[in-house]
Amino acid sequence: MLTSSETPIVATLVLVVFGILGWGFYRARPYGKLGILAWLQSVVLMTPWLLFFGLFAAGIYINIVGILFLLVASAGVYIFLGRQLRAAGQDAILRQRATQRIEAEASEKASPTKNSNLPEGTEQLKLEVIPIPEEDLNIIKGIFGIDTFFTTETIAYQEGAIFKGNLRGEPEAVHNRLTESLQERLGDKYRLFLVENTDERPVFIVLPSRNDPRPMTLPQKVFAVVLLVGTIATSLETGGLLLNFDFFNNPERFQEVIPIAAGILTVLIVHEIGHWLLARRHQIRLSLPYFLPAVQIGSFGAITRFESLLPNRKVLFDISLAGPAAGGIVSLLMLVAGLLLSHKGSLFQLPNQFFSGSILVGTLARVILGSALQSPLVDIHPLVIIGWLGLVVTALNLMPAGQLDGGRIVQAIYGRKTAGRATVATLIVLALVSLGTPLAMYWAIVILFLQRDLERPSLNEISEPDDARAALGLLALFLMVVTLLPLTPGLAGRLGIGG
């Protein structure tokens, strides 16, 4: 049964969840069948979370196999609903294309000469205010057509131009076709972006390639190396603190801290290798990682910049998820291996309250260690500490904010508007949590000053990742929550942690 102090918390969470679901249904109804199917996808993905936390709060324990079954089942239903959603949307797309074609033909008949109804000299004046040279602008206009993108208006934008009109065909196919045509005519001089306008209609933006991301300068590379050296030092210091001594004051005990520091650095390096491998697969250049040293846990991860324009949101998702996936899997394996190797007389002794600091760690420890968690001190293998620290670092980087991996994942799945709102919400949550822990305040400062901006738009910002990617992204966010969210004393007691 819930305690009197836990009942208001659980009731509030239940009200918030059902409020979100109700608001989503209200927003979905005007869109008919398409809207309801999209809403059902959200419900399906939230169901494992609701069942896990709801049953947990009621004192009903679901083991790790049950949790994985719920996640796999929800992902399967999500993908099925996605197929139904696309199938239901085909008729709407065909009707829209037919309407656009009729409108375009009527417009051509009414105005056979483009802008012929404008006063003499207006067209020339409009071209003069566009930064692109007139010759190049005419060539760029020539790539568009009635079967790809029927342009209706050209306006100046930064150092390039925005082309408004009607999209004819699948966004990815049209963008690829027009990009190839632009490169054939003007080489590598310009970049073609397909994005949503403020009225949520697709527009093409052409900008000079000189605005592409620049490689790291020599001072930036030197700074990255300095941060790496600092991270190695803080990893050694973390190892010393875990062994109850200050490494900086006792450098002669170097060999004692090497295993722990090496484990922390392994997780960090594997994380960055994951990013690098997927970036290489998609032919995207990445900057050197700017590691963030931290005495508390060795490092808070790294900041990595894209040095190439991303072709679409699928590539943004793949590269962003690859790092946390690689680092998280290695950390989880270390944690499980450490729990399996733990026995009486293991190197570390931790209070059983340690395992209440994370739902994920506490659940795994309960499954593997069993009744040993009821002892005031629990003997554990060093890999448990290293794996737990790696999971914390991974979870922190999966927070849905700015240019953190989690923020990039949200931007890839849901778009820039939702990613901006998620960043604000994350900062608010961190500000509230920082009243109880300085770690949250540190991350709020890092995000606010270094990572709050969203990733720059992809060349094709319209095409969304597929349902499988969306399910994987939400699974990653779920694991972030269960890693960072602690157990309440009452729930920890019912789980068997403590006396």
Protein backbone atom coordinates (compact mmCIF):
# COMPACT_ATOMS: atom_id res chain seq x y z
CA MET A 1 0.00 0.00 0.00
CA LEU A 2 1.10 3.59 -0.60
CA THR A 3 2.16 5.68 2.35
CA SER A 4 0.37 8.93 3.13
CA SER A 5 3.35 10.93 1.84
CA GLU A 6 3.48 9.03 -1.47
CA THR A 7 -0.26 9.11 -2.27
CA PRO A 8 -0.38 12.81 -3.32
CA ILE A 9 2.71 12.35 -5.52
CA VAL A 10 1.29 9.33 -7.33
CA ALA A 11 -2.12 11.01 -7.68
CA THR A 12 -0.49 14.10 -9.16
CA LEU A 13 1.51 12.03 -11.65
CA VAL A 14 -1.63 10.15 -12.69
CA LEU A 15 -3.53 13.41 -13.21
CA VAL A 16 -0.68 14.91 -15.25
CA VAL A 17 -0.43 11.83 -17.47
CA PHE A 18 -4.16 11.64 -18.14
CA GLY A 19 -4.22 15.40 -18.66
CA ILE A 20 -1.56 15.05 -21.36
CA LEU A 21 -3.44 12.18 -23.00
CA GLY A 22 -6.70 14.11 -22.91
CA TRP A 23 -5.10 17.22 -24.38
CA GLY A 24 -3.57 15.08 -27.13
CA PHE A 25 -6.95 13.54 -27.96
CA TYR A 26 -8.57 16.99 -28.06
CA ARG A 27 -5.89 18.20 -30.49
CA ALA A 28 -6.17 15.04 -32.61
CA ARG A 29 -9.95 14.97 -33.10
CA PRO A 30 -10.15 17.75 -35.75
CA TYR A 31 -7.84 15.69 -38.00
CA GLY A 32 -10.20 12.74 -38.12
CA LYS A 33 -8.84 9.23 -38.58
CA LEU A 34 -5.28 10.43 -39.18
CA GLY A 35 -5.28 12.42 -35.96
CA ILE A 36 -6.73 9.57 -33.88
CA LEU A 37 -4.16 7.10 -35.23
CA ALA A 38 -1.34 9.50 -34.42
CA TRP A 39 -2.77 9.97 -30.91
CA LEU A 40 -2.99 6.20 -30.43
CA GLN A 41 0.70 5.92 -31.31
CA SER A 42 1.51 8.26 -28.43
CA VAL A 43 -0.73 6.26 -26.07
CA VAL A 44 0.96 2.99 -27.08
CA LEU A 45 4.42 4.38 -26.39
CA MET A 46 3.35 5.74 -23.00
CA THR A 47 1.62 2.53 -21.92
CA PRO A 48 4.78 0.67 -20.72
CA TRP A 49 5.77 3.69 -18.66
CA LEU A 50 2.30 3.94 -17.10
CA LEU A 51 2.14 0.22 -16.32
CA PHE A 52 5.66 0.11 -14.90
CA PHE A 53 5.32 3.11 -12.60
CA GLY A 54 1.67 2.48 -11.76
CA LEU A 55 2.20 -1.14 -10.71
CA PHE A 56 5.45 -0.24 -9.00
CA ALA A 57 3.67 2.42 -6.95
CA ALA A 58 1.02 -0.15 -6.04
CA GLY A 59 3.73 -2.51 -4.78
CA ILE A 60 3.58 -4.90 -7.75
CA TYR A 61 7.07 -5.67 -9.02
CA ILE A 62 7.76 -6.31 -12.74
CA ASN A 63 11.09 -7.99 -13.41
CA ILE A 64 13.44 -6.94 -16.18
CA VAL A 65 12.06 -9.59 -18.59
CA GLY A 66 8.56 -8.22 -18.16
CA ILE A 67 9.77 -4.67 -18.72
CA LEU A 68 11.56 -5.64 -21.95
CA PHE A 69 8.45 -7.53 -23.12
CA LEU A 70 6.30 -4.43 -22.58
CA LEU A 71 8.77 -2.25 -24.47
CA VAL A 72 9.06 -4.66 -27.41
CA ALA A 73 5.29 -5.13 -27.57
CA SER A 74 4.62 -1.39 -27.51
CA ALA A 75 7.24 -0.80 -30.21
CA GLY A 76 5.58 -3.46 -32.38
CA VAL A 77 2.12 -1.94 -31.97
CA TYR A 78 3.61 1.53 -32.62
CA ILE A 79 5.09 0.36 -35.93
CA PHE A 80 1.79 -1.34 -36.89
CA LEU A 81 -0.16 1.86 -36.19
CA GLY A 82 2.41 3.81 -38.18
CA ARG A 83 1.73 1.64 -41.22
CA GLN A 84 -2.00 2.13 -40.77
CA LEU A 85 -1.42 5.87 -40.47
CA ARG A 86 0.55 6.01 -43.71
CA ALA A 87 -2.03 3.88 -45.50
CA ALA A 88 -4.85 6.12 -44.29
CA GLY A 89 -2.92 9.19 -45.34
CA GLN A 90 -2.41 8.10 -48.96
CA ASP A 91 -5.92 9.18 -50.02
CA ALA A 92 -5.48 12.57 -48.37
CA ILE A 93 -2.14 13.06 -50.11
CA LEU A 94 -3.57 12.12 -53.50
CA ARG A 95 -6.50 14.50 -53.02
CA GLN A 96 -4.13 17.29 -52.05
CA ARG A 97 -1.94 16.72 -55.10
CA ALA A 98 -4.96 16.72 -57.40
CA THR A 99 -6.19 19.97 -55.89
CA GLN A 100 -2.75 21.58 -56.25
CA ARG A 101 -2.49 20.48 -59.88
CA ILE A 102 -5.92 21.93 -60.70
CA GLU A 103 -5.01 25.20 -58.99
CA ALA A 104 -1.69 25.38 -60.82
CA GLU A 105 -3.29 24.76 -64.22
CA ALA A 106 -5.92 27.39 -63.51
CA SER A 107 -3.20 29.84 -62.46
CA GLU A 108 -1.24 29.20 -65.64
CA LYS A 109 -4.28 29.80 -67.81
CA ALA A 110 -5.13 33.01 -65.98
CA SER A 111 -1.53 34.32 -65.98
CA PRO A 112 0.41 32.82 -68.94
CA THR A 113 3.21 35.30 -68.37
CA LYS A 114 4.59 35.17 -64.86
CA ASN A 115 4.02 38.39 -62.94
CA SER A 116 2.56 40.03 -66.10
CA ASN A 117 0.05 41.86 -63.91
CA LEU A 118 2.81 43.66 -61.98
CA PRO A 119 3.74 47.23 -62.85
CA GLU A 120 6.65 47.61 -65.24
CA GLY A 121 9.98 47.43 -63.39
CA THR A 122 8.59 45.65 -60.31
CA GLU A 123 10.07 42.26 -61.28
CA GLN A 124 13.52 43.78 -61.84
CA LEU A 125 13.34 45.66 -58.53
CA LYS A 126 12.44 42.42 -56.73
CA LEU A 127 15.44 40.61 -58.24
CA GLU A 128 17.82 43.39 -57.28
CA VAL A 129 17.12 43.06 -53.57
CA ILE A 130 17.89 39.30 -53.58
CA PRO A 131 21.57 38.75 -52.67
CA ILE A 132 22.05 35.96 -55.24
CA PRO A 133 23.40 37.25 -58.60
CA GLU A 134 20.68 37.54 -61.23
CA GLU A 135 22.31 35.00 -63.54
CA ASP A 136 22.55 32.40 -60.77
CA LEU A 137 19.03 33.20 -59.59
CA ASN A 138 17.59 32.52 -63.05
CA ILE A 139 19.45 29.21 -63.20
CA ILE A 140 18.19 28.25 -59.75
CA LYS A 141 14.61 29.07 -60.76
CA GLY A 142 15.07 26.75 -63.72
CA ILE A 143 15.48 23.66 -61.54
CA PHE A 144 11.90 23.92 -60.28
CA GLY A 145 9.01 22.56 -62.31
CA ILE A 146 5.34 21.76 -62.16
CA ASP A 147 6.13 18.10 -61.45
CA THR A 148 8.48 18.84 -58.51
CA PHE A 149 7.88 22.23 -56.88
CA PHE A 150 5.64 24.83 -58.51
CA THR A 151 7.06 28.18 -57.34
CA THR A 152 4.71 31.09 -56.67
CA GLU A 153 6.97 33.63 -54.94
CA THR A 154 10.67 34.38 -54.50
CA ILE A 155 11.85 36.55 -51.59
CA ALA A 156 15.22 37.52 -50.18
CA TYR A 157 16.54 35.63 -47.14
CA GLN A 158 19.93 36.27 -45.49
CA GLU A 159 22.51 35.70 -48.26
CA GLY A 160 20.12 33.69 -50.41
CA ALA A 161 16.46 33.35 -51.28
CA ILE A 162 13.26 31.60 -50.23
CA PHE A 163 11.11 29.94 -52.90
CA LYS A 164 7.48 29.54 -51.91
CA GLY A 165 5.12 27.30 -53.81
CA ASN A 166 3.46 23.90 -53.97
CA LEU A 167 5.34 20.65 -53.40
CA ARG A 168 4.53 17.95 -55.95
CA GLY A 169 5.61 14.51 -54.74
CA GLU A 170 7.35 12.92 -51.81
CA PRO A 171 9.60 15.47 -50.04
CA GLU A 172 12.71 13.26 -50.00
CA ALA A 173 12.45 12.30 -53.68
CA VAL A 174 11.78 15.90 -54.76
CA HIS A 175 14.61 17.29 -52.66
CA ASN A 176 17.10 14.73 -53.98
CA ARG A 177 16.07 15.41 -57.57
CA LEU A 178 16.31 19.20 -57.24
CA THR A 179 19.62 19.01 -55.37
CA GLU A 180 21.15 16.92 -58.16
CA SER A 181 19.83 19.38 -60.74
CA LEU A 182 21.27 22.35 -58.81
CA GLN A 183 24.69 20.70 -58.54
CA GLU A 184 24.71 19.87 -62.25
CA ARG A 185 24.07 23.52 -63.15
CA LEU A 186 26.01 25.45 -60.49
CA GLY A 187 28.32 22.87 -58.96
CA ASP A 188 29.00 23.20 -55.22
CA LYS A 189 28.19 26.90 -55.09
CA TYR A 190 24.81 26.72 -53.32
CA ARG A 191 22.91 24.55 -50.84
CA LEU A 192 19.23 23.67 -51.19
CA PHE A 193 17.19 23.38 -47.98
CA LEU A 194 13.63 22.02 -47.78
CA VAL A 195 11.98 23.32 -44.60
CA GLU A 196 8.58 24.28 -43.20
CA ASN A 197 7.58 27.92 -43.43
CA THR A 198 5.87 29.75 -40.57
CA ASP A 199 2.52 28.70 -42.07
CA GLU A 200 3.71 25.05 -41.94
CA ARG A 201 3.89 24.84 -45.74
CA PRO A 202 7.10 23.49 -47.36
CA VAL A 203 9.46 26.04 -48.89
CA PHE A 204 12.89 25.78 -50.49
CA ILE A 205 15.74 27.97 -49.27
CA VAL A 206 18.91 28.47 -51.29
CA LEU A 207 22.04 29.67 -49.48
CA PRO A 208 25.67 29.99 -50.60
CA SER A 209 27.89 27.07 -49.62
CA ARG A 210 30.27 29.49 -47.89
CA ASN A 211 27.82 29.31 -44.97
CA ASP A 212 28.59 25.61 -44.44
CA PRO A 213 29.99 24.57 -41.03
CA ARG A 214 33.72 25.20 -40.75
CA PRO A 215 36.37 22.72 -39.58
CA MET A 216 37.94 23.20 -36.16
CA THR A 217 40.67 25.80 -35.94
CA LEU A 218 44.04 25.03 -34.35
CA PRO A 219 43.17 26.83 -31.07
CA GLN A 220 39.93 24.82 -30.87
CA LYS A 221 41.83 21.58 -31.34
CA VAL A 222 44.31 22.57 -28.64
CA PHE A 223 41.43 23.39 -26.30
CA ALA A 224 39.85 19.96 -27.00
CA VAL A 225 43.15 18.26 -26.10
CA VAL A 226 43.40 20.31 -22.89
CA LEU A 227 39.89 19.21 -21.90
CA LEU A 228 40.82 15.59 -22.64
CA VAL A 229 43.84 15.85 -20.33
CA GLY A 230 41.59 17.44 -17.69
CA THR A 231 39.08 14.59 -18.05
CA ILE A 232 41.84 12.00 -17.56
CA ALA A 233 42.89 13.84 -14.38
CA THR A 234 39.35 14.02 -13.00
CA SER A 235 38.78 10.33 -13.83
CA LEU A 236 41.86 9.47 -11.78
CA GLU A 237 40.63 11.70 -8.95
CA THR A 238 37.20 10.01 -9.07
CA GLY A 239 38.92 6.64 -8.74
CA GLY A 240 40.81 7.90 -5.70
CA LEU A 241 37.67 9.28 -4.06
CA LEU A 242 35.91 5.96 -4.55
CA LEU A 243 38.87 4.32 -2.80
CA ASN A 244 38.69 6.87 0.02
CA PHE A 245 41.76 8.95 -0.75
CA ASP A 246 42.64 12.09 -2.71
CA PHE A 247 44.67 11.13 -5.76
CA PHE A 248 46.00 14.65 -6.30
CA ASN A 249 47.52 14.53 -2.81
CA ASN A 250 48.70 10.92 -3.19
CA PRO A 251 49.91 10.55 -6.80
CA GLU A 252 52.18 7.68 -5.77
CA ARG A 253 49.02 5.50 -5.50
CA PHE A 254 48.61 5.81 -9.25
CA GLN A 255 48.26 2.09 -9.90
CA GLU A 256 45.28 1.76 -7.54
CA VAL A 257 43.10 4.20 -9.47
CA ILE A 258 44.05 3.08 -12.98
CA PRO A 259 41.33 0.38 -13.32
CA ILE A 260 38.50 2.70 -12.31
CA ALA A 261 39.76 5.63 -14.40
CA ALA A 262 40.27 3.30 -17.37
CA GLY A 263 36.69 2.04 -17.03
CA ILE A 264 35.29 5.58 -17.01
CA LEU A 265 37.39 6.60 -20.01
CA THR A 266 36.37 3.43 -21.85
CA VAL A 267 32.70 4.38 -21.62
CA LEU A 268 33.46 7.92 -22.83
CA ILE A 269 35.57 6.71 -25.76
CA VAL A 270 33.05 4.05 -26.80
CA HIS A 271 30.34 6.74 -26.76
CA GLU A 272 32.35 8.94 -29.13
CA ILE A 273 33.27 5.98 -31.35
CA GLY A 274 29.55 5.28 -31.74
CA HIS A 275 29.00 8.82 -33.02
CA TRP A 276 32.05 8.61 -35.29
CA LEU A 277 31.11 5.28 -36.89
CA LEU A 278 27.61 6.41 -37.86
CA ALA A 279 28.91 9.79 -39.01
CA ARG A 280 31.44 8.05 -41.22
CA ARG A 281 28.73 5.78 -42.60
CA HIS A 282 26.68 8.84 -43.63
CA GLN A 283 29.80 10.76 -44.78
CA ILE A 284 29.40 13.45 -42.14
CA ARG A 285 32.40 15.17 -40.53
CA LEU A 286 32.48 15.60 -36.76
CA SER A 287 34.67 17.86 -34.67
CA LEU A 288 36.93 16.52 -31.97
CA PRO A 289 34.93 15.98 -28.77
CA TYR A 290 35.12 18.66 -26.10
CA PHE A 291 35.09 16.53 -22.94
CA LEU A 292 33.58 18.01 -19.78
CA PRO A 293 35.76 17.12 -16.76
CA ALA A 294 33.93 16.46 -13.49
CA VAL A 295 35.44 15.35 -10.21
CA GLN A 296 32.12 13.81 -9.07
CA ILE A 297 31.94 11.12 -11.79
CA GLY A 298 35.06 11.67 -13.89
CA SER A 299 33.31 13.41 -16.78
CA PHE A 300 29.88 14.61 -17.83
CA GLY A 301 30.42 13.47 -21.39
CA ALA A 302 31.48 15.57 -24.37
CA ILE A 303 30.25 18.23 -26.76
CA THR A 304 30.69 17.30 -30.42
CA ARG A 305 29.89 19.60 -33.34
CA PHE A 306 28.82 18.66 -36.86
CA GLU A 307 31.26 19.94 -39.47
CA SER A 308 29.00 18.97 -42.37
CA LEU A 309 25.43 19.79 -43.29
CA LEU A 310 23.13 16.88 -42.51
CA PRO A 311 21.10 15.57 -45.47
CA ASN A 312 17.97 14.81 -43.42
CA ARG A 313 16.57 14.18 -39.94
CA LYS A 314 17.16 10.43 -40.25
CA VAL A 315 20.91 11.01 -40.33
CA LEU A 316 20.65 13.40 -37.36
CA PHE A 317 18.83 10.67 -35.43
CA ASP A 318 21.27 7.88 -36.35
CA ILE A 319 24.38 9.80 -35.37
CA SER A 320 22.82 11.23 -32.21
CA LEU A 321 21.58 7.87 -30.94
CA ALA A 322 24.71 5.91 -31.85
CA GLY A 323 26.84 7.45 -29.08
CA PRO A 324 24.44 6.87 -26.16
CA ALA A 325 23.57 3.42 -27.52
CA ALA A 326 27.21 2.34 -27.64
CA GLY A 327 28.17 3.89 -24.31
CA GLY A 328 24.96 2.76 -22.64
CA ILE A 329 25.29 -0.86 -23.76
CA VAL A 330 28.90 -1.03 -22.55
CA SER A 331 27.92 0.57 -19.22
CA LEU A 332 24.98 -1.80 -18.78
CA LEU A 333 27.19 -4.82 -19.50
CA MET A 334 29.72 -3.57 -16.95
CA LEU A 335 26.97 -3.08 -14.37
CA VAL A 336 25.46 -6.55 -14.90
CA ALA A 337 28.89 -8.22 -14.97
CA GLY A 338 29.84 -6.39 -11.77
CA LEU A 339 26.65 -7.48 -10.02
CA LEU A 340 27.21 -11.08 -11.10
CA LEU A 341 30.82 -10.96 -9.83
CA SER A 342 29.90 -9.35 -6.52
CA HIS A 343 30.35 -11.51 -3.43
CA LYS A 344 31.25 -11.29 0.23
CA GLY A 345 34.67 -9.70 0.42
CA SER A 346 34.41 -7.71 -2.86
CA LEU A 347 36.53 -4.56 -3.04
CA PHE A 348 33.73 -2.03 -2.41
CA GLN A 349 31.16 -1.85 0.35
CA LEU A 350 28.20 0.42 -0.28
CA PRO A 351 25.20 1.30 1.90
CA ASN A 352 22.06 -0.34 0.57
CA GLN A 353 20.58 3.16 0.07
CA PHE A 354 22.96 3.51 -2.88
CA PHE A 355 20.72 1.24 -4.92
CA SER A 356 17.72 3.50 -4.28
CA GLY A 357 19.36 6.25 -6.31
CA SER A 358 18.22 4.80 -9.64
CA ILE A 359 15.17 2.77 -10.66
CA LEU A 360 17.21 0.93 -13.30
CA VAL A 361 20.20 0.16 -11.06
CA GLY A 362 17.98 -0.77 -8.12
CA THR A 363 15.83 -3.11 -10.25
CA LEU A 364 18.83 -4.91 -11.75
CA ALA A 365 20.51 -5.20 -8.36
CA ARG A 366 17.33 -6.68 -6.87
CA VAL A 367 17.12 -9.27 -9.65
CA ILE A 368 20.79 -10.34 -9.37
CA LEU A 369 21.75 -9.76 -5.74
CA GLY A 370 18.40 -10.62 -4.18
CA SER A 371 18.27 -10.57 -0.39
CA ALA A 372 21.85 -9.25 -0.15
CA LEU A 373 20.37 -5.75 -0.60
CA GLN A 374 18.74 -6.01 2.82
CA SER A 375 22.15 -5.84 4.54
CA PRO A 376 23.22 -2.37 5.73
CA LEU A 377 26.44 -2.70 3.67
CA VAL A 378 26.53 -4.52 0.33
CA ASP A 379 29.81 -5.91 -1.02
CA ILE A 380 30.11 -5.15 -4.74
CA HIS A 381 32.61 -5.54 -7.56
CA PRO A 382 34.27 -2.33 -8.93
CA LEU A 383 32.51 -2.87 -12.27
CA VAL A 384 29.22 -2.01 -10.58
CA ILE A 385 30.52 1.49 -9.80
CA ILE A 386 32.00 1.96 -13.26
CA GLY A 387 28.87 0.71 -15.01
CA TRP A 388 26.64 2.92 -12.88
CA LEU A 389 28.78 6.00 -13.57
CA GLY A 390 28.69 5.20 -17.29
CA LEU A 391 24.90 4.92 -17.23
CA VAL A 392 24.63 8.27 -15.43
CA VAL A 393 26.87 9.97 -18.02
CA THR A 394 24.82 8.40 -20.82
CA ALA A 395 21.53 9.43 -19.21
CA LEU A 396 22.68 13.01 -18.68
CA ASN A 397 23.54 13.29 -22.37
CA LEU A 398 20.12 11.88 -23.28
CA MET A 399 18.24 14.74 -21.61
CA PRO A 400 15.96 16.30 -24.26
CA ALA A 401 17.60 19.70 -24.45
CA GLY A 402 19.40 21.74 -27.10
CA GLN A 403 22.36 20.04 -28.75
CA LEU A 404 22.66 17.24 -26.20
CA ASP A 405 22.18 13.82 -27.77
CA GLY A 406 18.67 13.66 -26.32
CA GLY A 407 17.81 17.10 -27.68
CA ARG A 408 19.03 16.11 -31.13
CA ILE A 409 16.99 12.89 -30.96
CA VAL A 410 13.82 14.83 -30.08
CA GLN A 411 14.54 17.32 -32.88
CA ALA A 412 15.02 14.47 -35.36
CA ILE A 413 11.77 12.72 -34.41
CA TYR A 414 9.41 15.61 -33.66
CA GLY A 415 10.94 18.67 -35.33
CA ARG A 416 12.42 21.92 -34.18
CA LYS A 417 9.33 23.39 -32.53
CA THR A 418 8.87 20.44 -30.17
CA ALA A 419 12.62 20.28 -29.51
CA GLY A 420 12.59 23.95 -28.46
CA ARG A 421 9.74 23.34 -26.03
CA ALA A 422 11.48 20.25 -24.65
CA THR A 423 14.61 22.31 -24.01
CA VAL A 424 12.67 24.89 -22.01
CA ALA A 425 10.88 22.15 -20.05
CA THR A 426 14.20 20.41 -19.28
CA LEU A 427 15.73 23.64 -17.99
CA ILE A 428 12.71 24.23 -15.74
CA VAL A 429 12.92 20.69 -14.33
CA LEU A 430 16.67 21.05 -13.74
CA ALA A 431 16.12 24.36 -11.98
CA LEU A 432 13.63 22.72 -9.62
CA VAL A 433 15.79 19.64 -9.02
CA SER A 434 18.85 21.82 -8.41
CA LEU A 435 17.28 22.90 -5.12
CA GLY A 436 18.22 19.46 -3.84
CA THR A 437 21.36 18.54 -5.79
CA PRO A 438 24.19 20.64 -7.27
CA LEU A 439 24.55 18.19 -10.17
CA ALA A 440 21.30 19.45 -11.70
CA MET A 441 22.46 23.05 -11.36
CA TYR A 442 25.70 22.20 -13.17
CA TRP A 443 23.82 20.68 -16.09
CA ALA A 444 21.36 23.58 -16.22
CA ILE A 445 24.33 25.95 -16.57
CA VAL A 446 26.00 23.77 -19.23
CA ILE A 447 22.81 23.62 -21.30
CA LEU A 448 21.97 27.29 -20.84
CA PHE A 449 25.37 28.63 -21.92
CA LEU A 450 26.76 25.92 -24.21
CA GLN A 451 24.01 23.64 -25.50
CA ARG A 452 20.67 25.47 -25.46
CA ASP A 453 20.57 26.22 -29.22
CA LEU A 454 18.99 23.62 -31.46
CA GLU A 455 21.00 21.85 -34.13
CA ARG A 456 21.00 23.71 -37.45
CA PRO A 457 18.34 22.50 -39.91
CA SER A 458 19.05 19.53 -42.17
CA LEU A 459 19.04 20.01 -45.92
CA ASN A 460 15.72 18.14 -45.93
CA GLU A 461 13.92 19.12 -42.75
CA ILE A 462 10.50 17.87 -43.92
CA SER A 463 11.00 14.09 -44.14
CA GLU A 464 10.60 12.44 -40.75
CA PRO A 465 12.42 9.36 -39.39
CA ASP A 466 10.52 6.09 -39.70
CA ASP A 467 8.51 4.49 -36.90
CA ALA A 468 11.30 2.11 -35.87
CA ARG A 469 13.64 5.05 -35.26
CA ALA A 470 10.94 6.90 -33.34
CA ALA A 471 10.39 3.86 -31.11
CA LEU A 472 14.13 3.52 -30.47
CA GLY A 473 14.37 7.20 -29.60
CA LEU A 474 11.55 6.97 -27.08
CA LEU A 475 13.10 3.83 -25.60
CA ALA A 476 16.35 5.77 -25.10
CA LEU A 477 14.46 8.58 -23.36
CA PHE A 478 12.69 6.03 -21.16
CA LEU A 479 16.03 4.51 -20.10
CA MET A 480 17.28 8.03 -19.34
CA VAL A 481 14.34 8.57 -16.98
CA VAL A 482 14.67 5.24 -15.15
CA THR A 483 18.42 5.78 -14.77
CA LEU A 484 18.18 9.25 -13.23
CA LEU A 485 14.91 8.87 -11.33
CA PRO A 486 15.45 7.61 -7.74
CA LEU A 487 13.24 5.27 -5.77
CA THR A 488 11.26 6.65 -2.87
CA PRO A 489 12.01 4.98 0.49
CA GLY A 490 8.63 3.26 0.45
CA LEU A 491 9.07 1.84 -3.04
CA ALA A 492 12.65 0.79 -2.27
CA GLY A 493 11.41 -1.07 0.80
CA ARG A 494 8.75 -2.94 -1.16
CA LEU A 495 11.36 -3.82 -3.76
CA GLY A 496 13.51 -5.39 -1.05
CA ILE A 497 16.21 -2.72 -0.80
CA GLY A 498 17.01 -2.10 2.85
CA GLY A 499 15.89 -3.77 6.02
